[in-house]
Amino acid sequence: MHLRTLTLTTLLAAALLAAGQPPLSASAHGASHPTSAREGSVGAADLLAKVKSCTQISHGRYRTDTGSRATVPVCGTKGAVFWKADMDIDCDGRRTAKCNERTDPSFHPDTAFHQSDGRPLRSDTLPYVVVPGASGIWNHARAGIKGGGVVAVIHGRQVQYAVVGDTGPTKIIGEASYATARALGLNPDPATGGAASGVTYILFKNSQVSPIESHTAAVTEGERLAKRFLRDN
């Protein structure tokens, strides 16, 4: 059967060349070649087009790293807040072979938000995002962002859905879990990994995944909210 298929394809290509036409591409035979990598049906370019401009809602700006200039505002739009920053790796939470005191000198065996069984989140398997701790710059809870809230994390042409899983320093922004980085094709090492820039975080207001540790639920809810975000903005 495979030999027959190859023979028919060869004859078809020869006939097209004889007629002065190029052979059919694989996509013309029905094969699918997506133009971008994505977790669901909502593309990165579509989401990024909606966050080109920033209406700043933070009372000041954040640093991406200790010692860097404060250049990152938190922006607001209908149904979401967003920022564009780097990605540092948060390996905090449950102690695992990938996330522990040896792999991460800054390791802390807890997260601000916990699983449904009361245990800390697991950074190496759960995509989650870190939000800055509440301060005079910005208070995530007052903006409708809470633990388990849905986040679309965009890097390059990839969209990764995650949850709000931890809080970080009050003056630094741009951090996500080991699993988030790995899913986006970034080096997830907490000491050397992440991305220096080019990461967009879109946090959907008043959303919440239950249970927080269900990535499947985050993707389902993320798809729904992303589609609504595109429609409403």
Protein backbone atom coordinates (compact mmCIF):
# COMPACT_ATOMS: atom_id res chain seq x y z
CA MET A 1 0.00 0.00 0.00
CA HIS A 2 2.85 2.42 0.86
CA LEU A 3 4.59 1.58 -2.44
CA ARG A 4 1.42 2.30 -4.38
CA THR A 5 1.00 5.66 -2.69
CA LEU A 6 4.56 6.64 -3.53
CA THR A 7 4.07 5.55 -7.14
CA LEU A 8 0.90 7.62 -7.55
CA THR A 9 2.59 10.63 -6.00
CA THR A 10 5.55 10.30 -8.34
CA LEU A 11 3.29 10.04 -11.41
CA LEU A 12 1.28 13.06 -10.27
CA ALA A 13 4.42 15.14 -9.77
CA ALA A 14 5.70 14.15 -13.20
CA ALA A 15 2.40 15.11 -14.82
CA LEU A 16 2.43 18.51 -13.13
CA LEU A 17 6.00 19.19 -14.19
CA ALA A 18 5.13 18.26 -17.76
CA ALA A 19 2.30 20.76 -17.65
CA GLY A 20 4.64 23.49 -16.33
CA GLN A 21 3.24 23.46 -12.80
CA PRO A 22 5.19 22.85 -9.56
CA PRO A 23 4.48 19.64 -7.66
CA LEU A 24 1.86 19.77 -4.91
CA SER A 25 3.23 20.52 -1.44
CA ALA A 26 2.55 18.30 1.51
CA SER A 27 -0.06 20.77 2.75
CA ALA A 28 -1.90 20.50 -0.54
CA HIS A 29 -2.30 16.79 0.13
CA GLY A 30 -4.00 17.62 3.42
CA ALA A 31 -1.03 17.56 5.80
CA SER A 32 -1.14 20.24 8.45
CA HIS A 33 1.88 22.46 9.04
CA PRO A 34 1.01 25.00 11.76
CA THR A 35 2.77 28.32 11.35
CA SER A 36 3.27 28.79 15.06
CA ALA A 37 3.65 26.67 18.17
CA ARG A 38 0.78 27.13 20.59
CA GLU A 39 -0.88 25.33 23.45
CA GLY A 40 -4.41 25.92 22.16
CA SER A 41 -6.21 27.52 19.27
CA VAL A 42 -5.41 31.14 20.18
CA GLY A 43 -2.23 32.36 18.52
CA ALA A 44 0.52 34.45 20.07
CA ALA A 45 0.34 37.13 17.36
CA ASP A 46 -3.37 37.66 17.98
CA LEU A 47 -2.85 38.17 21.70
CA LEU A 48 0.20 40.40 21.26
CA ALA A 49 -1.73 42.63 18.85
CA LYS A 50 -4.10 43.46 21.71
CA VAL A 51 -1.36 44.54 24.11
CA LYS A 52 0.73 46.77 21.86
CA SER A 53 -0.03 49.90 23.87
CA CYS A 54 0.03 50.30 27.64
CA THR A 55 -2.36 52.14 29.90
CA GLN A 56 -0.30 52.10 33.08
CA ILE A 57 -2.18 51.13 36.23
CA SER A 58 0.81 50.70 38.54
CA HIS A 59 2.02 53.64 40.63
CA GLY A 60 5.53 53.40 39.31
CA ARG A 61 7.56 50.76 37.51
CA TYR A 62 9.33 47.53 38.35
CA ARG A 63 12.87 46.26 37.95
CA THR A 64 13.45 42.97 36.16
CA ASP A 65 16.46 42.16 38.36
CA THR A 66 18.10 43.51 41.47
CA GLY A 67 20.19 46.50 40.48
CA SER A 68 18.51 47.08 37.12
CA ARG A 69 16.55 50.22 36.27
CA ALA A 70 12.82 50.27 37.01
CA THR A 71 11.36 50.24 33.49
CA VAL A 72 8.39 47.82 33.54
CA PRO A 73 4.86 49.14 34.17
CA VAL A 74 1.81 47.04 34.90
CA CYS A 75 -0.72 47.83 32.19
CA GLY A 76 -4.49 47.52 32.29
CA THR A 77 -7.06 46.74 29.63
CA LYS A 78 -10.57 45.31 29.57
CA GLY A 79 -10.62 42.03 31.45
CA ALA A 80 -6.88 41.76 32.04
CA VAL A 81 -3.64 43.27 33.24
CA PHE A 82 -0.33 42.67 31.52
CA TRP A 83 3.36 43.40 31.50
CA LYS A 84 6.34 42.77 29.26
CA ALA A 85 9.52 41.69 30.98
CA ASP A 86 12.13 38.99 31.28
CA MET A 87 11.66 35.54 32.80
CA ASP A 88 13.56 34.48 35.87
CA ILE A 89 12.99 30.93 37.09
CA ASP A 90 11.07 30.33 40.31
CA CYS A 91 11.95 26.86 41.64
CA ASP A 92 10.23 27.35 45.00
CA GLY A 93 7.61 25.01 46.39
CA ARG A 94 7.72 21.27 46.80
CA ARG A 95 11.23 19.87 47.02
CA THR A 96 12.05 17.72 43.97
CA ALA A 97 15.11 16.45 42.10
CA LYS A 98 15.01 19.55 39.88
CA CYS A 99 14.07 22.12 42.50
CA ASN A 100 15.91 22.03 45.81
CA GLU A 101 18.66 23.77 47.77
CA ARG A 102 21.38 22.25 45.58
CA THR A 103 19.90 23.28 42.23
CA ASP A 104 18.70 26.68 43.45
CA PRO A 105 20.66 28.56 46.15
CA SER A 106 17.59 30.76 46.71
CA PHE A 107 15.22 27.80 47.05
CA HIS A 108 12.31 28.23 49.44
CA PRO A 109 10.17 25.13 50.18
CA ASP A 110 6.85 26.95 49.96
CA THR A 111 4.70 29.02 47.62
CA ALA A 112 2.23 31.78 48.42
CA PHE A 113 -0.62 29.66 47.11
CA HIS A 114 -1.12 25.94 47.77
CA GLN A 115 -2.56 22.89 46.09
CA SER A 116 -6.03 21.65 47.00
CA ASP A 117 -4.42 19.20 49.46
CA GLY A 118 -2.63 22.03 51.26
CA ARG A 119 0.85 21.28 49.93
CA PRO A 120 3.00 23.92 48.16
CA LEU A 121 2.91 24.00 44.37
CA ARG A 122 5.43 21.99 42.37
CA SER A 123 7.51 24.23 40.13
CA ASP A 124 8.97 21.54 37.89
CA THR A 125 5.59 20.18 36.77
CA LEU A 126 3.10 23.05 37.13
CA PRO A 127 3.26 26.12 34.89
CA TYR A 128 2.75 29.10 37.18
CA VAL A 129 3.65 32.78 37.28
CA VAL A 130 4.98 34.91 40.13
CA VAL A 131 3.38 38.30 40.82
CA PRO A 132 5.10 41.05 42.80
CA GLY A 133 4.17 41.26 46.45
CA ALA A 134 1.64 43.97 47.28
CA SER A 135 3.19 47.40 47.67
CA GLY A 136 2.65 51.05 46.93
CA ILE A 137 3.60 50.30 43.32
CA TRP A 138 0.77 47.84 42.71
CA ASN A 139 -1.52 45.48 44.60
CA HIS A 140 -2.46 42.47 42.50
CA ALA A 141 -5.44 41.49 44.67
CA ARG A 142 -7.05 44.91 44.33
CA ALA A 143 -6.70 44.58 40.55
CA GLY A 144 -8.68 41.32 40.52
CA ILE A 145 -5.63 39.02 40.33
CA LYS A 146 -5.61 36.17 42.83
CA GLY A 147 -3.97 32.83 43.48
CA GLY A 148 -4.99 30.36 40.81
CA GLY A 149 -5.80 33.14 38.35
CA VAL A 150 -5.24 32.33 34.68
CA VAL A 151 -2.23 33.73 32.83
CA ALA A 152 -1.29 33.57 29.16
CA VAL A 153 2.51 33.64 28.94
CA ILE A 154 3.86 34.49 25.49
CA HIS A 155 7.39 34.09 24.20
CA GLY A 156 8.18 34.21 20.50
CA ARG A 157 5.29 32.51 18.76
CA GLN A 158 4.34 30.31 21.69
CA VAL A 159 1.47 30.67 24.15
CA GLN A 160 1.64 28.83 27.46
CA TYR A 161 -1.25 28.94 29.92
CA ALA A 162 -0.32 29.08 33.59
CA VAL A 163 -1.76 30.07 36.94
CA VAL A 164 -0.79 32.72 39.46
CA GLY A 165 1.16 30.52 41.86
CA ASP A 166 3.50 32.61 43.96
CA THR A 167 4.39 36.13 45.04
CA GLY A 168 7.84 37.67 44.83
CA PRO A 169 9.77 40.81 45.79
CA THR A 170 7.79 44.03 45.88
CA LYS A 171 10.00 45.84 43.37
CA ILE A 172 10.84 43.09 40.84
CA ILE A 173 8.70 41.59 38.08
CA GLY A 174 9.14 38.85 35.46
CA GLU A 175 9.28 35.38 37.01
CA ALA A 176 7.69 32.00 36.31
CA SER A 177 8.06 28.38 37.30
CA TYR A 178 10.52 25.81 35.99
CA ALA A 179 7.65 24.10 34.12
CA THR A 180 6.58 27.34 32.41
CA ALA A 181 10.05 27.96 31.02
CA ARG A 182 10.47 24.38 29.87
CA ALA A 183 7.10 24.40 28.10
CA LEU A 184 8.14 27.55 26.20
CA GLY A 185 11.40 25.94 25.09
CA LEU A 186 13.52 28.02 27.46
CA ASN A 187 16.28 26.79 29.70
CA PRO A 188 14.50 26.10 33.02
CA ASP A 189 17.61 26.02 35.19
CA PRO A 190 16.95 28.32 38.18
CA ALA A 191 20.54 29.60 38.18
CA THR A 192 21.20 30.11 34.47
CA GLY A 193 17.87 29.74 32.66
CA GLY A 194 14.93 31.89 31.64
CA ALA A 195 14.89 34.75 29.15
CA ALA A 196 16.55 38.16 29.33
CA SER A 197 13.56 39.86 27.67
CA GLY A 198 10.69 39.33 25.26
CA VAL A 199 8.16 37.67 27.55
CA THR A 200 4.58 38.96 27.79
CA TYR A 201 2.34 38.05 30.71
CA ILE A 202 -1.43 38.54 30.32
CA LEU A 203 -3.33 37.94 33.57
CA PHE A 204 -7.08 37.60 33.31
CA LYS A 205 -8.98 39.48 36.01
CA ASN A 206 -11.23 37.65 38.47
CA SER A 207 -10.32 34.24 37.04
CA GLN A 208 -9.45 31.17 39.08
CA VAL A 209 -8.53 27.59 38.25
CA SER A 210 -9.84 24.90 40.56
CA PRO A 211 -7.98 22.90 41.60
CA ILE A 212 -5.01 25.21 41.15
CA GLU A 213 -2.71 22.27 40.35
CA SER A 214 -4.74 21.17 37.31
CA HIS A 215 -2.93 22.38 34.21
CA THR A 216 -5.67 20.88 32.05
CA ALA A 217 -8.19 23.14 33.77
CA ALA A 218 -5.86 26.12 33.26
CA VAL A 219 -5.65 25.43 29.53
CA THR A 220 -9.42 25.02 29.18
CA GLU A 221 -10.16 28.21 31.09
CA GLY A 222 -7.26 30.03 29.44
CA GLU A 223 -8.60 29.26 25.97
CA ARG A 224 -12.03 30.54 26.91
CA LEU A 225 -10.70 33.74 28.46
CA ALA A 226 -8.21 34.38 25.66
CA LYS A 227 -10.96 34.16 23.06
CA ARG A 228 -13.11 36.55 25.06
CA PHE A 229 -10.13 38.89 25.47
CA LEU A 230 -9.62 39.00 21.69
CA ARG A 231 -13.31 39.64 21.13
CA ASP A 232 -13.66 42.41 23.71
CA ASN A 233 -10.47 44.39 23.08
